[in-house]
């Protein structure tokens, strides 16, 4: 094999310029990785992929959108785990959408609520989950104000918003599982509940079966015992029990999940049974 020509050597040197090479040089000479050269290209490739995720042209970011960092939907909330230790996801949020001007003319509240719903759905579609703190930061409102607005939206629409704390059952409000049961006790069909809560029909029926088990065990057993028997969290069981207690206090029959529902079909229950 002949020795490389001068122009080939020049081409090789020119090919060693760029962001990738600069990052490798920094790791080797400035960050103490001089004894780990083999791993440097892998680290740099990962960094560049992250930069591409945020700023790459494939994102098709529109002029009326911003890139925002949110918790990845798979990153469950864990006690003692900081956001810096949490897997995150870059997402695009639409600041101004068609129809926003008309909402603004109705009042700031209408526009604000529309943005909350839009941003939560956009984040979920892109594989991330926003918290009420994210929404407060984006709108310069207090968390208390945001929480109040979100609660009113859910009460007025009957839909469950995909907040991080709700999806991961980590907030003080009803978990998404308990909300599904609440809607069912109000007489909603599983198919309608699936639409309102943005869950699959299979997931809705799965949670209703768990609720049926809680109802059969309560009040013969306490919350902690039921949670242990079902291998479920005490907080969720307590919320199921609270729903049953509310039904009793209102002297309203507790709806009996039909056999067809528990076996997987989607027919409504034919009757209700009052709890003794």
C-alpha atoms as a PDB file:
ATOM      1  CA  UNK A   1       0.000   0.000   0.000  1.00  0.00           C
ATOM      2  CA  UNK A   2       1.420   3.365  -1.025  1.00  0.00           C
ATOM      3  CA  UNK A   3       1.942   6.141   1.526  1.00  0.00           C
ATOM      4  CA  UNK A   4      -0.823   8.751   1.715  1.00  0.00           C
ATOM      5  CA  UNK A   5      -0.285  11.786  -0.450  1.00  0.00           C
ATOM      6  CA  UNK A   6       0.020  15.307   0.891  1.00  0.00           C
ATOM      7  CA  UNK A   7      -3.540  16.154  -0.077  1.00  0.00           C
ATOM      8  CA  UNK A   8      -4.819  13.015   1.631  1.00  0.00           C
ATOM      9  CA  UNK A   9      -2.977  13.982   4.817  1.00  0.00           C
ATOM     10  CA  UNK A  10      -4.465  17.453   4.633  1.00  0.00           C
ATOM     11  CA  UNK A  11      -7.922  15.988   4.137  1.00  0.00           C
ATOM     12  CA  UNK A  12      -7.458  13.771   7.182  1.00  0.00           C
ATOM     13  CA  UNK A  13      -6.449  16.735   9.317  1.00  0.00           C
ATOM     14  CA  UNK A  14      -9.356  18.825   8.109  1.00  0.00           C
ATOM     15  CA  UNK A  15     -11.696  15.946   8.937  1.00  0.00           C
ATOM     16  CA  UNK A  16     -10.530  16.105  12.541  1.00  0.00           C
ATOM     17  CA  UNK A  17     -12.105  19.524  13.031  1.00  0.00           C
ATOM     18  CA  UNK A  18     -15.555  20.108  14.423  1.00  0.00           C
ATOM     19  CA  UNK A  19     -17.699  19.916  17.549  1.00  0.00           C
ATOM     20  CA  UNK A  20     -17.272  16.164  17.970  1.00  0.00           C
ATOM     21  CA  UNK A  21     -13.487  16.399  17.944  1.00  0.00           C
ATOM     22  CA  UNK A  22     -13.507  19.392  20.284  1.00  0.00           C
ATOM     23  CA  UNK A  23     -15.620  17.511  22.791  1.00  0.00           C
ATOM     24  CA  UNK A  24     -13.280  14.517  22.630  1.00  0.00           C
ATOM     25  CA  UNK A  25     -10.293  16.800  23.212  1.00  0.00           C
ATOM     26  CA  UNK A  26     -11.968  18.409  26.238  1.00  0.00           C
ATOM     27  CA  UNK A  27     -12.764  15.055  27.818  1.00  0.00           C
ATOM     28  CA  UNK A  28      -9.232  13.796  27.281  1.00  0.00           C
ATOM     29  CA  UNK A  29      -7.263  16.891  28.327  1.00  0.00           C
ATOM     30  CA  UNK A  30      -9.580  18.947  30.539  1.00  0.00           C
ATOM     31  CA  UNK A  31     -11.935  16.491  32.264  1.00  0.00           C
ATOM     32  CA  UNK A  32      -9.474  13.800  33.341  1.00  0.00           C
ATOM     33  CA  UNK A  33     -10.437  11.117  30.831  1.00  0.00           C
ATOM     34  CA  UNK A  34      -6.897  10.698  29.498  1.00  0.00           C
ATOM     35  CA  UNK A  35      -6.855   7.085  30.753  1.00  0.00           C
ATOM     36  CA  UNK A  36     -10.252   6.266  29.336  1.00  0.00           C
ATOM     37  CA  UNK A  37      -9.888   7.246  25.711  1.00  0.00           C
ATOM     38  CA  UNK A  38     -11.881   4.278  24.429  1.00  0.00           C
ATOM     39  CA  UNK A  39     -15.084   5.462  26.094  1.00  0.00           C
ATOM     40  CA  UNK A  40     -14.771   9.104  25.062  1.00  0.00           C
ATOM     41  CA  UNK A  41     -16.281   8.669  21.537  1.00  0.00           C
ATOM     42  CA  UNK A  42     -19.290   6.897  23.071  1.00  0.00           C
ATOM     43  CA  UNK A  43     -19.871   9.703  25.574  1.00  0.00           C
ATOM     44  CA  UNK A  44     -19.489  12.346  22.888  1.00  0.00           C
ATOM     45  CA  UNK A  45     -21.891  10.521  20.560  1.00  0.00           C
ATOM     46  CA  UNK A  46     -24.470  10.445  23.343  1.00  0.00           C
ATOM     47  CA  UNK A  47     -24.018  14.174  23.989  1.00  0.00           C
ATOM     48  CA  UNK A  48     -24.410  15.010  20.322  1.00  0.00           C
ATOM     49  CA  UNK A  49     -27.547  12.870  20.115  1.00  0.00           C
ATOM     50  CA  UNK A  50     -28.981  14.852  23.015  1.00  0.00           C
ATOM     51  CA  UNK A  51     -28.127  18.143  21.281  1.00  0.00           C
ATOM     52  CA  UNK A  52     -29.812  16.831  18.130  1.00  0.00           C
ATOM     53  CA  UNK A  53     -32.869  15.907  20.161  1.00  0.00           C
ATOM     54  CA  UNK A  54     -33.184  19.473  21.402  1.00  0.00           C
ATOM     55  CA  UNK A  55     -32.215  21.451  18.322  1.00  0.00           C
ATOM     56  CA  UNK A  56     -32.250  19.091  15.336  1.00  0.00           C
ATOM     57  CA  UNK A  57     -34.237  20.108  12.241  1.00  0.00           C
ATOM     58  CA  UNK A  58     -36.275  16.895  12.483  1.00  0.00           C
ATOM     59  CA  UNK A  59     -38.169  18.428  15.410  1.00  0.00           C
ATOM     60  CA  UNK A  60     -40.026  20.643  12.926  1.00  0.00           C
ATOM     61  CA  UNK A  61     -40.367  23.303  15.582  1.00  0.00           C
ATOM     62  CA  UNK A  62     -42.803  25.986  14.523  1.00  0.00           C
ATOM     63  CA  UNK A  63     -42.275  29.746  15.087  1.00  0.00           C
ATOM     64  CA  UNK A  64     -45.077  29.726  17.670  1.00  0.00           C
ATOM     65  CA  UNK A  65     -43.538  26.878  19.683  1.00  0.00           C
ATOM     66  CA  UNK A  66     -40.860  26.582  22.339  1.00  0.00           C
ATOM     67  CA  UNK A  67     -38.615  23.666  23.289  1.00  0.00           C
ATOM     68  CA  UNK A  68     -39.218  22.736  26.902  1.00  0.00           C
ATOM     69  CA  UNK A  69     -37.694  20.052  29.092  1.00  0.00           C
ATOM     70  CA  UNK A  70     -40.095  17.807  30.999  1.00  0.00           C
ATOM     71  CA  UNK A  71     -39.893  14.542  32.909  1.00  0.00           C
ATOM     72  CA  UNK A  72     -39.996  11.475  30.675  1.00  0.00           C
ATOM     73  CA  UNK A  73     -43.267   9.582  31.034  1.00  0.00           C
ATOM     74  CA  UNK A  74     -41.359   6.463  32.110  1.00  0.00           C
ATOM     75  CA  UNK A  75     -39.558   8.319  34.923  1.00  0.00           C
ATOM     76  CA  UNK A  76     -41.679   7.497  37.942  1.00  0.00           C
ATOM     77  CA  UNK A  77     -41.622   9.762  40.960  1.00  0.00           C
ATOM     78  CA  UNK A  78     -39.428   8.316  43.713  1.00  0.00           C
ATOM     79  CA  UNK A  79     -38.878   9.640  47.211  1.00  0.00           C
ATOM     80  CA  UNK A  80     -35.495  11.378  47.476  1.00  0.00           C
ATOM     81  CA  UNK A  81     -34.933  11.479  43.719  1.00  0.00           C
ATOM     82  CA  UNK A  82     -34.226  14.967  42.395  1.00  0.00           C
ATOM     83  CA  UNK A  83     -35.182  16.278  38.964  1.00  0.00           C
ATOM     84  CA  UNK A  84     -31.477  16.369  38.079  1.00  0.00           C
ATOM     85  CA  UNK A  85     -31.452  12.587  38.617  1.00  0.00           C
ATOM     86  CA  UNK A  86     -34.624  12.071  36.603  1.00  0.00           C
ATOM     87  CA  UNK A  87     -34.805  11.012  32.964  1.00  0.00           C
ATOM     88  CA  UNK A  88     -35.998  13.993  30.958  1.00  0.00           C
ATOM     89  CA  UNK A  89     -37.429  14.650  27.520  1.00  0.00           C
ATOM     90  CA  UNK A  90     -37.229  17.659  25.186  1.00  0.00           C
ATOM     91  CA  UNK A  91     -40.664  18.581  23.853  1.00  0.00           C
ATOM     92  CA  UNK A  92     -42.269  21.311  21.759  1.00  0.00           C
ATOM     93  CA  UNK A  93     -45.094  23.306  23.336  1.00  0.00           C
ATOM     94  CA  UNK A  94     -47.383  25.527  21.270  1.00  0.00           C
ATOM     95  CA  UNK A  95     -47.527  28.985  22.815  1.00  0.00           C
ATOM     96  CA  UNK A  96     -49.949  30.444  20.269  1.00  0.00           C
ATOM     97  CA  UNK A  97     -52.408  28.219  18.429  1.00  0.00           C
ATOM     98  CA  UNK A  98     -55.240  28.981  16.002  1.00  0.00           C
ATOM     99  CA  UNK A  99     -58.169  30.184  18.038  1.00  0.00           C
ATOM    100  CA  UNK A 100     -56.093  31.595  20.896  1.00  0.00           C
ATOM    101  CA  UNK A 101     -56.919  35.159  19.887  1.00  0.00           C
ATOM    102  CA  UNK A 102     -60.648  34.424  20.134  1.00  0.00           C
ATOM    103  CA  UNK A 103     -60.124  32.851  23.558  1.00  0.00           C
ATOM    104  CA  UNK A 104     -58.125  35.872  24.675  1.00  0.00           C
ATOM    105  CA  UNK A 105     -61.076  38.073  23.709  1.00  0.00           C
ATOM    106  CA  UNK A 106     -63.247  36.009  26.064  1.00  0.00           C
ATOM    107  CA  UNK A 107     -60.869  36.648  28.951  1.00  0.00           C
ATOM    108  CA  UNK A 108     -57.510  35.491  30.192  1.00  0.00           C
ATOM    109  CA  UNK A 109     -59.004  32.546  32.072  1.00  0.00           C
ATOM    110  CA  UNK A 110     -60.359  30.901  28.922  1.00  0.00           C
ATOM    111  CA  UNK A 111     -57.014  31.215  27.145  1.00  0.00           C
ATOM    112  CA  UNK A 112     -55.065  30.015  30.169  1.00  0.00           C
ATOM    113  CA  UNK A 113     -57.193  26.909  30.579  1.00  0.00           C
ATOM    114  CA  UNK A 114     -56.955  26.076  26.889  1.00  0.00           C
ATOM    115  CA  UNK A 115     -53.177  26.319  27.076  1.00  0.00           C
ATOM    116  CA  UNK A 116     -53.023  24.072  30.143  1.00  0.00           C
ATOM    117  CA  UNK A 117     -54.985  21.352  28.380  1.00  0.00           C
ATOM    118  CA  UNK A 118     -53.002  21.760  25.148  1.00  0.00           C
ATOM    119  CA  UNK A 119     -49.598  21.654  26.824  1.00  0.00           C
ATOM    120  CA  UNK A 120     -50.447  18.606  28.912  1.00  0.00           C
ATOM    121  CA  UNK A 121     -51.666  16.731  25.847  1.00  0.00           C
ATOM    122  CA  UNK A 122     -48.708  17.835  23.703  1.00  0.00           C
ATOM    123  CA  UNK A 123     -46.270  16.674  26.372  1.00  0.00           C
ATOM    124  CA  UNK A 124     -47.964  13.284  26.703  1.00  0.00           C
ATOM    125  CA  UNK A 125     -48.016  12.809  22.933  1.00  0.00           C
ATOM    126  CA  UNK A 126     -44.253  13.437  22.855  1.00  0.00           C
ATOM    127  CA  UNK A 127     -43.489  10.981  25.645  1.00  0.00           C
ATOM    128  CA  UNK A 128     -43.301  13.375  28.600  1.00  0.00           C
ATOM    129  CA  UNK A 129     -45.441  14.492  31.530  1.00  0.00           C
ATOM    130  CA  UNK A 130     -45.832  18.009  32.897  1.00  0.00           C
ATOM    131  CA  UNK A 131     -46.494  18.895  36.522  1.00  0.00           C
ATOM    132  CA  UNK A 132     -48.500  21.788  37.923  1.00  0.00           C
ATOM    133  CA  UNK A 133     -45.138  23.360  38.797  1.00  0.00           C
ATOM    134  CA  UNK A 134     -44.205  23.262  35.089  1.00  0.00           C
ATOM    135  CA  UNK A 135     -47.451  25.004  34.178  1.00  0.00           C
ATOM    136  CA  UNK A 136     -46.920  27.590  36.921  1.00  0.00           C
ATOM    137  CA  UNK A 137     -43.417  28.287  35.613  1.00  0.00           C
ATOM    138  CA  UNK A 138     -44.616  28.623  32.017  1.00  0.00           C
ATOM    139  CA  UNK A 139     -47.387  31.060  32.951  1.00  0.00           C
ATOM    140  CA  UNK A 140     -45.819  32.939  35.899  1.00  0.00           C
ATOM    141  CA  UNK A 141     -48.694  31.864  38.136  1.00  0.00           C
ATOM    142  CA  UNK A 142     -48.570  30.309  41.579  1.00  0.00           C
ATOM    143  CA  UNK A 143     -48.884  26.533  41.918  1.00  0.00           C
ATOM    144  CA  UNK A 144     -51.995  27.080  44.042  1.00  0.00           C
ATOM    145  CA  UNK A 145     -53.671  29.045  41.233  1.00  0.00           C
ATOM    146  CA  UNK A 146     -52.710  26.429  38.653  1.00  0.00           C
ATOM    147  CA  UNK A 147     -54.001  23.582  40.829  1.00  0.00           C
ATOM    148  CA  UNK A 148     -57.299  25.416  41.289  1.00  0.00           C
ATOM    149  CA  UNK A 149     -57.672  25.958  37.528  1.00  0.00           C
ATOM    150  CA  UNK A 150     -56.849  22.325  36.763  1.00  0.00           C
ATOM    151  CA  UNK A 151     -59.380  21.112  39.302  1.00  0.00           C
ATOM    152  CA  UNK A 152     -62.085  23.294  37.755  1.00  0.00           C
ATOM    153  CA  UNK A 153     -61.222  22.035  34.262  1.00  0.00           C
ATOM    154  CA  UNK A 154     -61.586  18.421  35.398  1.00  0.00           C
ATOM    155  CA  UNK A 155     -64.856  19.157  37.193  1.00  0.00           C
ATOM    156  CA  UNK A 156     -66.351  20.930  34.190  1.00  0.00           C
ATOM    157  CA  UNK A 157     -65.215  18.456  31.538  1.00  0.00           C
ATOM    158  CA  UNK A 158     -65.265  15.222  33.521  1.00  0.00           C
ATOM    159  CA  UNK A 159     -61.921  14.395  31.914  1.00  0.00           C
ATOM    160  CA  UNK A 160     -58.760  13.511  33.814  1.00  0.00           C
ATOM    161  CA  UNK A 161     -55.785  15.668  32.862  1.00  0.00           C
ATOM    162  CA  UNK A 162     -52.478  13.819  32.289  1.00  0.00           C
ATOM    163  CA  UNK A 163     -50.460  15.524  35.028  1.00  0.00           C
ATOM    164  CA  UNK A 164     -47.324  13.740  36.150  1.00  0.00           C
ATOM    165  CA  UNK A 165     -48.497  13.379  39.726  1.00  0.00           C
ATOM    166  CA  UNK A 166     -51.855  11.969  38.618  1.00  0.00           C
ATOM    167  CA  UNK A 167     -50.493   9.509  36.069  1.00  0.00           C
ATOM    168  CA  UNK A 168     -47.872   8.253  38.531  1.00  0.00           C
ATOM    169  CA  UNK A 169     -50.280   8.279  41.506  1.00  0.00           C
ATOM    170  CA  UNK A 170     -48.055  10.674  43.432  1.00  0.00           C
ATOM    171  CA  UNK A 171     -50.275  13.678  44.121  1.00  0.00           C
ATOM    172  CA  UNK A 172     -52.679  14.353  46.960  1.00  0.00           C
ATOM    173  CA  UNK A 173     -55.646  14.349  44.573  1.00  0.00           C
ATOM    174  CA  UNK A 174     -57.510  11.295  43.387  1.00  0.00           C
ATOM    175  CA  UNK A 175     -55.233   8.904  41.559  1.00  0.00           C
ATOM    176  CA  UNK A 176     -56.119   8.190  37.958  1.00  0.00           C
ATOM    177  CA  UNK A 177     -57.268   4.720  39.076  1.00  0.00           C
ATOM    178  CA  UNK A 178     -59.620   6.111  41.714  1.00  0.00           C
ATOM    179  CA  UNK A 179     -60.927   8.687  39.228  1.00  0.00           C
ATOM    180  CA  UNK A 180     -61.792   5.865  36.843  1.00  0.00           C
ATOM    181  CA  UNK A 181     -63.751   4.124  39.604  1.00  0.00           C
ATOM    182  CA  UNK A 182     -65.474   7.381  40.562  1.00  0.00           C
ATOM    183  CA  UNK A 183     -66.660   7.874  36.988  1.00  0.00           C
ATOM    184  CA  UNK A 184     -67.917   4.295  36.860  1.00  0.00           C
ATOM    185  CA  UNK A 185     -69.890   4.725  40.079  1.00  0.00           C
ATOM    186  CA  UNK A 186     -71.467   7.808  38.490  1.00  0.00           C
ATOM    187  CA  UNK A 187     -72.857   5.530  35.792  1.00  0.00           C
ATOM    188  CA  UNK A 188     -70.315   6.091  33.012  1.00  0.00           C
ATOM    189  CA  UNK A 189     -69.625   3.217  30.655  1.00  0.00           C
ATOM    190  CA  UNK A 190     -66.066   1.822  30.449  1.00  0.00           C
ATOM    191  CA  UNK A 191     -65.739   3.003  26.853  1.00  0.00           C
ATOM    192  CA  UNK A 192     -66.658   6.550  27.869  1.00  0.00           C
ATOM    193  CA  UNK A 193     -64.317   6.420  30.879  1.00  0.00           C
ATOM    194  CA  UNK A 194     -61.465   5.313  28.626  1.00  0.00           C
ATOM    195  CA  UNK A 195     -62.053   8.351  26.429  1.00  0.00           C
ATOM    196  CA  UNK A 196     -62.357  10.821  29.318  1.00  0.00           C
ATOM    197  CA  UNK A 197     -59.257   9.579  31.127  1.00  0.00           C
ATOM    198  CA  UNK A 198     -57.107   8.876  28.069  1.00  0.00           C
ATOM    199  CA  UNK A 199     -56.679   5.226  29.047  1.00  0.00           C
ATOM    200  CA  UNK A 200     -57.135   2.047  27.079  1.00  0.00           C
ATOM    201  CA  UNK A 201     -60.348   0.128  27.610  1.00  0.00           C
ATOM    202  CA  UNK A 202     -58.314  -2.819  28.901  1.00  0.00           C
ATOM    203  CA  UNK A 203     -56.703  -0.604  31.567  1.00  0.00           C
ATOM    204  CA  UNK A 204     -60.087   0.757  32.672  1.00  0.00           C
ATOM    205  CA  UNK A 205     -61.535  -2.737  33.092  1.00  0.00           C
ATOM    206  CA  UNK A 206     -58.391  -3.841  34.922  1.00  0.00           C
ATOM    207  CA  UNK A 207     -58.791  -1.057  37.520  1.00  0.00           C
ATOM    208  CA  UNK A 208     -62.497  -1.784  37.937  1.00  0.00           C
ATOM    209  CA  UNK A 209     -61.718  -5.410  38.728  1.00  0.00           C
ATOM    210  CA  UNK A 210     -59.323  -4.243  41.455  1.00  0.00           C
ATOM    211  CA  UNK A 211     -62.021  -1.975  42.863  1.00  0.00           C
ATOM    212  CA  UNK A 212     -64.449  -4.873  42.958  1.00  0.00           C
ATOM    213  CA  UNK A 213     -61.968  -6.831  45.079  1.00  0.00           C
ATOM    214  CA  UNK A 214     -61.634  -3.908  47.508  1.00  0.00           C
ATOM    215  CA  UNK A 215     -65.403  -3.673  47.835  1.00  0.00           C
ATOM    216  CA  UNK A 216     -65.683  -7.373  48.599  1.00  0.00           C
ATOM    217  CA  UNK A 217     -62.958  -7.184  51.285  1.00  0.00           C
ATOM    218  CA  UNK A 218     -64.171  -3.987  52.952  1.00  0.00           C
ATOM    219  CA  UNK A 219     -65.205  -3.510  55.761  1.00  0.00           C
ATOM    220  CA  UNK A 220     -64.239  -7.002  56.947  1.00  0.00           C
ATOM    221  CA  UNK A 221     -60.603  -5.958  56.635  1.00  0.00           C
ATOM    222  CA  UNK A 222     -58.776  -2.705  57.233  1.00  0.00           C
ATOM    223  CA  UNK A 223     -57.055  -0.646  54.539  1.00  0.00           C
ATOM    224  CA  UNK A 224     -53.586  -1.950  55.390  1.00  0.00           C
ATOM    225  CA  UNK A 225     -54.770  -5.557  55.328  1.00  0.00           C
ATOM    226  CA  UNK A 226     -56.534  -5.113  51.989  1.00  0.00           C
ATOM    227  CA  UNK A 227     -53.465  -3.436  50.520  1.00  0.00           C
ATOM    228  CA  UNK A 228     -51.327  -6.347  51.702  1.00  0.00           C
ATOM    229  CA  UNK A 229     -53.730  -8.977  50.333  1.00  0.00           C
ATOM    230  CA  UNK A 230     -53.991  -7.248  46.946  1.00  0.00           C
ATOM    231  CA  UNK A 231     -50.339  -6.153  46.781  1.00  0.00           C
ATOM    232  CA  UNK A 232     -51.467  -2.584  46.146  1.00  0.00           C
ATOM    233  CA  UNK A 233     -50.591   0.723  47.795  1.00  0.00           C
ATOM    234  CA  UNK A 234     -52.569   1.674  50.953  1.00  0.00           C
ATOM    235  CA  UNK A 235     -53.249   5.137  49.525  1.00  0.00           C
ATOM    236  CA  UNK A 236     -55.075   3.712  46.502  1.00  0.00           C
ATOM    237  CA  UNK A 237     -57.093   1.317  48.661  1.00  0.00           C
ATOM    238  CA  UNK A 238     -57.996   4.200  50.983  1.00  0.00           C
ATOM    239  CA  UNK A 239     -59.293   6.213  48.037  1.00  0.00           C
ATOM    240  CA  UNK A 240     -61.422   3.270  46.885  1.00  0.00           C
ATOM    241  CA  UNK A 241     -62.821   2.920  50.412  1.00  0.00           C
ATOM    242  CA  UNK A 242     -63.506   6.669  50.575  1.00  0.00           C
ATOM    243  CA  UNK A 243     -65.567   6.394  47.388  1.00  0.00           C
ATOM    244  CA  UNK A 244     -67.582   3.566  48.923  1.00  0.00           C
ATOM    245  CA  UNK A 245     -68.119   5.586  52.097  1.00  0.00           C
ATOM    246  CA  UNK A 246     -69.309   8.594  50.083  1.00  0.00           C
ATOM    247  CA  UNK A 247     -71.852   6.358  48.381  1.00  0.00           C
ATOM    248  CA  UNK A 248     -73.125   5.180  51.763  1.00  0.00           C
ATOM    249  CA  UNK A 249     -73.364   8.702  53.157  1.00  0.00           C
ATOM    250  CA  UNK A 250     -75.460   9.773  50.180  1.00  0.00           C
ATOM    251  CA  UNK A 251     -77.621   6.666  50.583  1.00  0.00           C
ATOM    252  CA  UNK A 252     -76.865   5.922  46.958  1.00  0.00           C
ATOM    253  CA  UNK A 253     -76.631   2.309  45.812  1.00  0.00           C
ATOM    254  CA  UNK A 254     -73.092   1.261  44.993  1.00  0.00           C
ATOM    255  CA  UNK A 255     -73.018   0.207  41.406  1.00  0.00           C
ATOM    256  CA  UNK A 256     -72.330  -3.464  40.918  1.00  0.00           C
ATOM    257  CA  UNK A 257     -69.833  -4.193  38.109  1.00  0.00           C
ATOM    258  CA  UNK A 258     -71.569  -6.610  35.787  1.00  0.00           C
ATOM    259  CA  UNK A 259     -70.277 -10.087  35.058  1.00  0.00           C
ATOM    260  CA  UNK A 260     -69.902  -9.064  31.412  1.00  0.00           C
ATOM    261  CA  UNK A 261     -67.631  -6.182  32.441  1.00  0.00           C
ATOM    262  CA  UNK A 262     -65.425  -8.326  34.637  1.00  0.00           C
ATOM    263  CA  UNK A 263     -65.128 -10.902  31.884  1.00  0.00           C
ATOM    264  CA  UNK A 264     -64.005  -8.309  29.373  1.00  0.00           C
ATOM    265  CA  UNK A 265     -67.119  -7.213  27.447  1.00  0.00           C
ATOM    266  CA  UNK A 266     -68.294  -3.624  27.380  1.00  0.00           C
ATOM    267  CA  UNK A 267     -71.965  -3.863  28.288  1.00  0.00           C
ATOM    268  CA  UNK A 268     -73.302  -1.630  31.059  1.00  0.00           C
ATOM    269  CA  UNK A 269     -74.392  -3.089  34.366  1.00  0.00           C
ATOM    270  CA  UNK A 270     -78.040  -3.996  34.427  1.00  0.00           C
ATOM    271  CA  UNK A 271     -78.777  -3.041  38.047  1.00  0.00           C
ATOM    272  CA  UNK A 272     -77.343  -1.612  41.208  1.00  0.00           C
ATOM    273  CA  UNK A 273     -77.036  -3.319  44.576  1.00  0.00           C
ATOM    274  CA  UNK A 274     -77.271  -1.407  47.826  1.00  0.00           C
ATOM    275  CA  UNK A 275     -74.547  -2.192  50.339  1.00  0.00           C
ATOM    276  CA  UNK A 276     -75.896  -3.555  53.628  1.00  0.00           C
END
